[in-house]
Amino acid sequence: MKKIILIVLSLVFILFSVSMAAAKEIKKDYHETFDAAMGDILHLRHGDGDVSITPWEKDVLDIKVHYLADVDFFGFGKKHDFRVDFRKTGNTVYVIGKEEAGWTVGFRSIERYEYTYEIQAPAYMFLDLKGDDGDVHIQDWMENIECDLDDGDIHFSNIQAKEVDVRAEDGSLEFTNLTTELSILCDDADLELSDCVLEDCFIDMQDGDLRISQCRGNFEIEADDGDIILDRSRIENLDIRLEDGDIDLDLLTSENPDADIKTDDGNVSVTLERGFSTAFDAWSDDGRIRIKLEEVENFREKRNSKSGEINGGKGLIRIHTSDGNITISER
């Protein structure tokens, strides 16, 4: 019986030894082009690949995909592979990257990894993107964008579109010079918007910090854990709901601003540009309220609240915090 076991173990060792090899290089490069016309859609599934999209003047969609991996494989199973499926159906171009990890009884590791999509297209194409762990860079775009990403960074710049819709899990999100209606849903991500004109902006965050710099428009923000900063921004309508975190607002003058700010555990600081016309109503359950404004009209003070008007009271700012201090001042 022992002899049979030794023979079996020897055969297994031989098979493993035969299957064991040095790192296998998997290198794939694809280059495809499609004619493009107004109303066309790019449907891209890029997995862990990094994506860069820039416009050009040609009515052509040009796609270059580079994939390079060194795979160590020891044991039995299907080996790692990669391919990209390209096709055009109607007005939609489908580009679907597929990493075939297979299965392994033994050991497998990837030592070197390069995976990129370099895309040039007319800026009038609608972009429908979905990925996992890759970064996405888009600039100088004119048509709508939908981007769904798990663990990766997103950078958009110089976008003038009707709608931009972003869903993300973990990563860093940076948007510069957008003119659009913007919707963002994200979990553990830090988010920064700068120099944007947003007719409507909806942001739903879980854990992460939000910074909005030199933007204007209408904002609806819901967040759990994180700080929210609006720096030198001009708002018409502002609605903030925050669980745990501080809110710091530096607001420029605007016509009839309407702001409703609520937080549970956190401080709220509002700095107004000189000449800002608004009424204010600040309420804190267990915090201090400080009003550092000149020439307040119709000032009223109660046990947990302070209210009044400045410069004619054309707008309205409402602030409510459970455990936190409130400060309203004029720059």
Protein backbone atom coordinates (compact mmCIF):
# COMPACT_ATOMS: atom_id res chain seq x y z
CA MET A 1 0.00 0.00 0.00
CA LYS A 2 2.85 2.37 0.89
CA LYS A 3 4.46 1.56 -2.45
CA ILE A 4 1.28 2.55 -4.33
CA ILE A 5 1.07 5.84 -2.38
CA LEU A 6 4.69 6.62 -3.20
CA ILE A 7 4.05 5.93 -6.90
CA VAL A 8 1.00 8.22 -6.90
CA LEU A 9 2.89 10.99 -5.14
CA SER A 10 5.77 10.61 -7.59
CA LEU A 11 3.38 10.92 -10.54
CA VAL A 12 1.77 14.02 -9.03
CA PHE A 13 5.20 15.56 -8.46
CA ILE A 14 6.21 14.82 -12.05
CA LEU A 15 3.00 16.36 -13.41
CA PHE A 16 3.45 19.48 -11.30
CA SER A 17 7.06 19.72 -12.37
CA VAL A 18 6.07 19.42 -16.03
CA SER A 19 3.35 22.05 -15.66
CA MET A 20 5.64 24.43 -13.80
CA ALA A 21 7.27 26.96 -16.09
CA ALA A 22 8.90 30.32 -15.98
CA ALA A 23 6.74 33.40 -16.24
CA LYS A 24 4.70 33.37 -19.41
CA GLU A 25 4.42 36.72 -21.17
CA ILE A 26 0.98 37.51 -22.52
CA LYS A 27 1.18 40.44 -24.91
CA LYS A 28 -1.81 41.55 -26.96
CA ASP A 29 -2.20 44.74 -29.00
CA TYR A 30 -5.40 45.65 -30.85
CA HIS A 31 -6.13 48.55 -33.17
CA GLU A 32 -9.61 48.99 -34.62
CA THR A 33 -11.39 51.88 -36.32
CA PHE A 34 -15.06 52.55 -37.05
CA ASP A 35 -16.79 55.24 -39.05
CA ALA A 36 -18.65 57.62 -36.72
CA ALA A 37 -21.68 59.87 -37.16
CA MET A 38 -23.77 62.15 -35.00
CA GLY A 39 -25.79 60.08 -32.53
CA ASP A 40 -23.32 57.17 -32.36
CA ILE A 41 -22.55 55.49 -29.02
CA LEU A 42 -19.36 53.94 -27.65
CA HIS A 43 -20.20 51.03 -25.36
CA LEU A 44 -16.92 50.19 -23.58
CA ARG A 45 -16.32 47.46 -20.98
CA HIS A 46 -12.71 47.87 -19.89
CA GLY A 47 -12.35 45.76 -16.74
CA ASP A 48 -9.10 46.69 -14.99
CA GLY A 49 -7.81 48.69 -17.93
CA ASP A 50 -6.94 52.39 -17.81
CA VAL A 51 -8.91 54.48 -20.30
CA SER A 52 -7.92 57.73 -22.01
CA ILE A 53 -10.42 59.40 -24.36
CA THR A 54 -9.65 62.56 -26.35
CA PRO A 55 -11.49 64.17 -29.29
CA TRP A 56 -10.31 64.84 -32.81
CA GLU A 57 -11.82 66.33 -35.98
CA LYS A 58 -12.17 63.06 -37.91
CA ASP A 59 -15.51 61.23 -38.18
CA VAL A 60 -13.73 58.09 -37.07
CA LEU A 61 -13.58 56.16 -33.80
CA ASP A 62 -10.01 54.94 -33.26
CA ILE A 63 -9.32 52.39 -30.50
CA LYS A 64 -5.93 51.08 -29.41
CA VAL A 65 -5.73 48.44 -26.69
CA HIS A 66 -2.48 47.34 -25.10
CA TYR A 67 -2.23 44.36 -22.75
CA LEU A 68 0.92 42.93 -21.20
CA ALA A 69 1.16 40.48 -18.29
CA ASP A 70 3.83 38.13 -16.94
CA VAL A 71 2.02 35.15 -15.42
CA ASP A 72 3.68 32.54 -13.20
CA PHE A 73 1.75 29.26 -13.33
CA PHE A 74 2.39 26.14 -11.26
CA GLY A 75 -0.12 23.31 -11.20
CA PHE A 76 -3.14 22.33 -13.26
CA GLY A 77 -5.85 24.40 -14.87
CA LYS A 78 -6.72 26.83 -17.62
CA LYS A 79 -4.04 29.42 -18.26
CA HIS A 80 -4.54 33.19 -18.17
CA ASP A 81 -5.48 34.88 -21.44
CA PHE A 82 -6.92 38.13 -22.82
CA ARG A 83 -8.94 39.26 -25.80
CA VAL A 84 -11.07 42.18 -26.99
CA ASP A 85 -14.35 41.81 -28.87
CA PHE A 86 -15.18 44.60 -31.34
CA ARG A 87 -18.43 45.05 -33.23
CA LYS A 88 -20.84 47.71 -34.43
CA THR A 89 -24.59 47.17 -34.28
CA GLY A 90 -26.78 49.99 -35.51
CA ASN A 91 -25.34 53.21 -34.11
CA THR A 92 -23.49 51.51 -31.21
CA VAL A 93 -19.87 50.41 -31.23
CA TYR A 94 -19.21 47.64 -28.68
CA VAL A 95 -15.70 47.26 -27.28
CA ILE A 96 -15.49 44.52 -24.64
CA GLY A 97 -12.21 43.53 -23.03
CA LYS A 98 -12.13 40.02 -21.53
CA GLU A 99 -9.46 38.74 -19.16
CA GLU A 100 -9.73 34.96 -18.93
CA ALA A 101 -8.31 34.08 -15.53
CA GLY A 102 -9.43 30.46 -15.82
CA TRP A 103 -8.94 28.19 -12.84
CA THR A 104 -5.90 26.76 -11.13
CA VAL A 105 -5.07 23.86 -8.85
CA GLY A 106 -1.70 25.04 -7.67
CA PHE A 107 -0.25 28.53 -7.86
CA ARG A 108 -0.58 31.50 -10.19
CA SER A 109 0.69 35.09 -9.90
CA ILE A 110 0.92 38.09 -12.23
CA GLU A 111 4.23 39.92 -11.92
CA ARG A 112 4.03 42.64 -14.59
CA TYR A 113 0.76 44.18 -15.68
CA GLU A 114 -0.05 46.82 -18.32
CA TYR A 115 -3.58 47.30 -19.59
CA THR A 116 -4.66 50.46 -21.44
CA TYR A 117 -7.28 51.80 -23.85
CA GLU A 118 -6.27 54.81 -25.92
CA ILE A 119 -9.30 56.18 -27.75
CA GLN A 120 -9.74 59.07 -30.15
CA ALA A 121 -13.18 59.96 -31.43
CA PRO A 122 -15.37 62.88 -32.47
CA ALA A 123 -16.61 64.70 -29.37
CA TYR A 124 -20.24 64.19 -30.42
CA MET A 125 -20.22 60.47 -29.53
CA PHE A 126 -22.16 59.33 -26.45
CA LEU A 127 -19.88 57.48 -24.01
CA ASP A 128 -21.11 54.46 -22.03
CA LEU A 129 -18.23 53.16 -19.90
CA LYS A 130 -18.04 50.41 -17.29
CA GLY A 131 -14.88 49.18 -15.57
CA ASP A 132 -13.44 47.63 -12.44
CA ASP A 133 -9.99 48.73 -11.24
CA GLY A 134 -8.87 51.00 -14.06
CA ASP A 135 -8.58 54.79 -14.21
CA VAL A 136 -10.64 56.90 -16.64
CA HIS A 137 -9.46 60.18 -18.20
CA ILE A 138 -11.75 62.16 -20.52
CA GLN A 139 -11.19 65.70 -21.78
CA ASP A 140 -12.74 68.23 -24.17
CA TRP A 141 -15.98 66.27 -24.64
CA MET A 142 -19.34 67.58 -25.96
CA GLU A 143 -21.77 64.65 -25.60
CA ASN A 144 -23.31 62.83 -22.64
CA ILE A 145 -21.19 60.49 -20.51
CA GLU A 146 -22.13 57.52 -18.33
CA CYS A 147 -19.26 56.10 -16.30
CA ASP A 148 -19.55 53.17 -13.88
CA LEU A 149 -16.33 52.26 -12.05
CA ASP A 150 -15.42 50.16 -9.01
CA ASP A 151 -11.87 50.80 -7.79
CA GLY A 152 -10.24 53.44 -9.93
CA ASP A 153 -9.71 57.18 -10.34
CA ILE A 154 -11.82 59.38 -12.60
CA HIS A 155 -10.59 62.62 -14.16
CA PHE A 156 -12.90 64.68 -16.41
CA SER A 157 -11.90 68.09 -17.77
CA ASN A 158 -13.45 70.58 -20.19
CA ILE A 159 -16.76 68.76 -20.61
CA GLN A 160 -19.76 70.56 -22.16
CA ALA A 161 -22.61 68.07 -22.28
CA LYS A 162 -26.25 67.91 -21.32
CA GLU A 163 -25.74 65.12 -18.76
CA VAL A 164 -22.84 63.40 -17.01
CA ASP A 165 -23.70 60.39 -14.82
CA VAL A 166 -20.98 58.82 -12.65
CA ARG A 167 -21.11 55.80 -10.32
CA ALA A 168 -18.00 54.85 -8.39
CA GLU A 169 -16.93 52.75 -5.40
CA ASP A 170 -13.37 53.48 -4.24
CA GLY A 171 -11.05 56.02 -5.73
CA SER A 172 -10.40 59.68 -6.36
CA LEU A 173 -12.83 61.68 -8.51
CA GLU A 174 -11.75 64.98 -10.04
CA PHE A 175 -13.89 67.15 -12.33
CA THR A 176 -12.60 70.41 -13.81
CA ASN A 177 -14.43 72.91 -16.01
CA LEU A 178 -17.68 71.01 -16.54
CA THR A 179 -20.81 72.64 -17.95
CA THR A 180 -23.55 70.07 -17.54
CA GLU A 181 -26.14 68.41 -15.34
CA LEU A 182 -24.06 66.19 -13.06
CA SER A 183 -25.07 63.11 -11.04
CA ILE A 184 -22.55 61.28 -8.84
CA LEU A 185 -23.07 58.21 -6.67
CA CYS A 186 -19.99 56.99 -4.80
CA ASP A 187 -18.99 55.05 -1.67
CA ASP A 188 -15.42 55.38 -0.41
CA ALA A 189 -14.11 58.14 -2.63
CA ASP A 190 -12.80 61.67 -2.34
CA LEU A 191 -14.46 64.08 -4.76
CA GLU A 192 -13.30 67.44 -6.09
CA LEU A 193 -15.11 69.81 -8.45
CA SER A 194 -13.53 73.04 -9.69
CA ASP A 195 -14.51 75.78 -12.15
CA CYS A 196 -17.81 74.08 -13.03
CA VAL A 197 -21.16 75.50 -14.15
CA LEU A 198 -23.78 72.96 -13.07
CA GLU A 199 -27.42 73.58 -13.83
CA ASP A 200 -28.22 70.68 -11.51
CA CYS A 201 -25.73 68.68 -9.46
CA PHE A 202 -26.76 65.68 -7.36
CA ILE A 203 -24.11 64.00 -5.19
CA ASP A 204 -24.70 60.95 -2.98
CA MET A 205 -21.60 59.92 -1.02
CA GLN A 206 -20.92 57.41 1.75
CA ASP A 207 -17.38 57.87 3.10
CA GLY A 208 -15.14 60.55 1.67
CA ASP A 209 -14.45 64.26 1.52
CA LEU A 210 -16.05 66.66 -0.96
CA ARG A 211 -14.50 69.91 -2.16
CA ILE A 212 -16.24 72.28 -4.57
CA SER A 213 -14.13 75.25 -5.71
CA GLN A 214 -15.21 78.26 -7.78
CA CYS A 215 -18.35 76.59 -9.11
CA ARG A 216 -21.87 77.86 -9.62
CA GLY A 217 -25.26 76.25 -9.98
CA ASN A 218 -27.74 74.16 -8.02
CA PHE A 219 -26.44 71.47 -5.64
CA GLU A 220 -28.11 68.62 -3.77
CA ILE A 221 -25.64 66.73 -1.56
CA GLU A 222 -26.19 63.69 0.67
CA ALA A 223 -23.27 62.20 2.60
CA ASP A 224 -22.50 60.00 5.60
CA ASP A 225 -18.93 60.39 6.88
CA GLY A 226 -16.77 63.16 5.48
CA ASP A 227 -16.17 66.89 5.32
CA ILE A 228 -17.85 69.16 2.76
CA ILE A 229 -16.15 72.34 1.55
CA LEU A 230 -17.57 74.91 -0.88
CA ASP A 231 -14.86 77.45 -1.70
CA ARG A 232 -15.79 80.76 -3.38
CA SER A 233 -18.80 79.23 -5.10
CA ARG A 234 -21.99 80.87 -6.34
CA ILE A 235 -25.13 78.88 -5.61
CA GLU A 236 -28.79 79.37 -6.45
CA ASN A 237 -30.13 76.34 -4.58
CA LEU A 238 -28.13 74.33 -2.07
CA ASP A 239 -29.39 71.31 -0.12
CA ILE A 240 -26.91 69.45 2.13
CA ARG A 241 -27.66 66.42 4.32
CA LEU A 242 -24.65 65.13 6.28
CA GLU A 243 -24.32 62.58 9.08
CA ASP A 244 -20.79 62.91 10.51
CA GLY A 245 -18.51 65.67 9.29
CA ASP A 246 -17.92 69.40 9.13
CA ILE A 247 -19.38 71.78 6.55
CA ASP A 248 -17.41 74.85 5.46
CA LEU A 249 -19.09 77.17 2.95
CA ASP A 250 -17.58 80.26 1.32
CA LEU A 251 -20.40 81.71 -0.79
CA LEU A 252 -20.37 84.45 -3.41
CA THR A 253 -23.34 86.75 -3.95
CA SER A 254 -26.19 85.45 -6.12
CA GLU A 255 -29.81 86.27 -6.90
CA ASN A 256 -32.25 84.89 -4.32
CA PRO A 257 -30.04 82.06 -2.97
CA ASP A 258 -31.80 79.27 -1.13
CA ALA A 259 -29.73 76.99 1.13
CA ASP A 260 -30.90 74.23 3.49
CA ILE A 261 -28.08 72.65 5.51
CA LYS A 262 -28.45 69.81 8.01
CA THR A 263 -25.80 67.79 9.85
CA ASP A 264 -25.88 65.53 12.90
CA ASP A 265 -22.34 65.46 14.28
CA GLY A 266 -20.29 68.29 12.89
CA ASN A 267 -19.67 72.02 12.81
CA VAL A 268 -21.06 74.38 10.17
CA SER A 269 -19.20 77.50 9.06
CA VAL A 270 -20.71 79.87 6.48
CA THR A 271 -18.73 82.81 5.10
CA LEU A 272 -20.63 85.27 2.90
CA GLU A 273 -19.19 87.67 0.36
CA ARG A 274 -19.71 91.28 1.42
CA GLY A 275 -23.04 92.48 0.08
CA PHE A 276 -24.63 89.02 0.17
CA SER A 277 -28.40 89.51 0.58
CA THR A 278 -30.13 86.84 2.63
CA ALA A 279 -32.18 85.94 5.66
CA PHE A 280 -30.73 83.28 7.95
CA ASP A 281 -32.13 80.82 10.48
CA ALA A 282 -29.56 78.83 12.50
CA TRP A 283 -30.53 76.08 14.95
CA SER A 284 -28.23 73.89 17.07
CA ASP A 285 -29.42 71.35 19.66
CA ASP A 286 -26.13 71.07 21.59
CA GLY A 287 -23.80 73.65 20.12
CA ARG A 288 -22.88 77.30 20.05
CA ILE A 289 -24.21 79.71 17.42
CA ARG A 290 -22.03 82.68 16.49
CA ILE A 291 -23.27 85.43 14.16
CA LYS A 292 -20.43 87.67 12.95
CA LEU A 293 -22.38 89.95 10.64
CA GLU A 294 -22.74 93.71 10.47
CA GLU A 295 -26.08 95.53 10.46
CA VAL A 296 -28.32 92.50 11.05
CA GLU A 297 -32.00 93.37 10.67
CA ASN A 298 -34.94 91.66 12.40
CA PHE A 299 -32.56 89.76 14.66
CA ARG A 300 -34.21 87.15 16.87
CA GLU A 301 -32.55 84.90 19.42
CA LYS A 302 -33.99 81.91 21.25
CA ARG A 303 -32.46 79.20 23.43
CA ASN A 304 -31.29 77.04 20.51
CA SER A 305 -31.56 79.36 17.51
CA LYS A 306 -30.68 82.73 16.01
CA SER A 307 -32.19 84.36 12.94
CA GLY A 308 -32.18 87.64 11.05
CA GLU A 309 -31.54 89.37 7.71
CA ILE A 310 -28.67 91.19 6.02
CA ASN A 311 -28.59 93.46 2.98
CA GLY A 312 -32.32 93.24 2.36
CA GLY A 313 -32.80 89.51 3.01
CA LYS A 314 -33.49 88.44 -0.59
CA GLY A 315 -32.31 84.85 -0.07
CA LEU A 316 -32.67 82.33 2.75
CA ILE A 317 -30.09 80.18 4.52
CA ARG A 318 -31.34 77.53 6.96
CA ILE A 319 -28.88 75.62 9.15
CA HIS A 320 -29.67 72.82 11.61
CA THR A 321 -27.10 70.78 13.50
CA SER A 322 -27.57 68.34 16.37
CA ASP A 323 -24.09 68.20 17.93
CA GLY A 324 -22.02 70.99 16.51
CA ASN A 325 -21.30 74.70 16.42
CA ILE A 326 -22.60 77.14 13.80
CA THR A 327 -20.74 80.24 12.61
CA ILE A 328 -22.06 82.75 10.07
CA SER A 329 -19.68 85.53 9.07
CA GLU A 330 -19.10 88.08 6.32
CA ARG A 331 -15.87 88.22 4.33
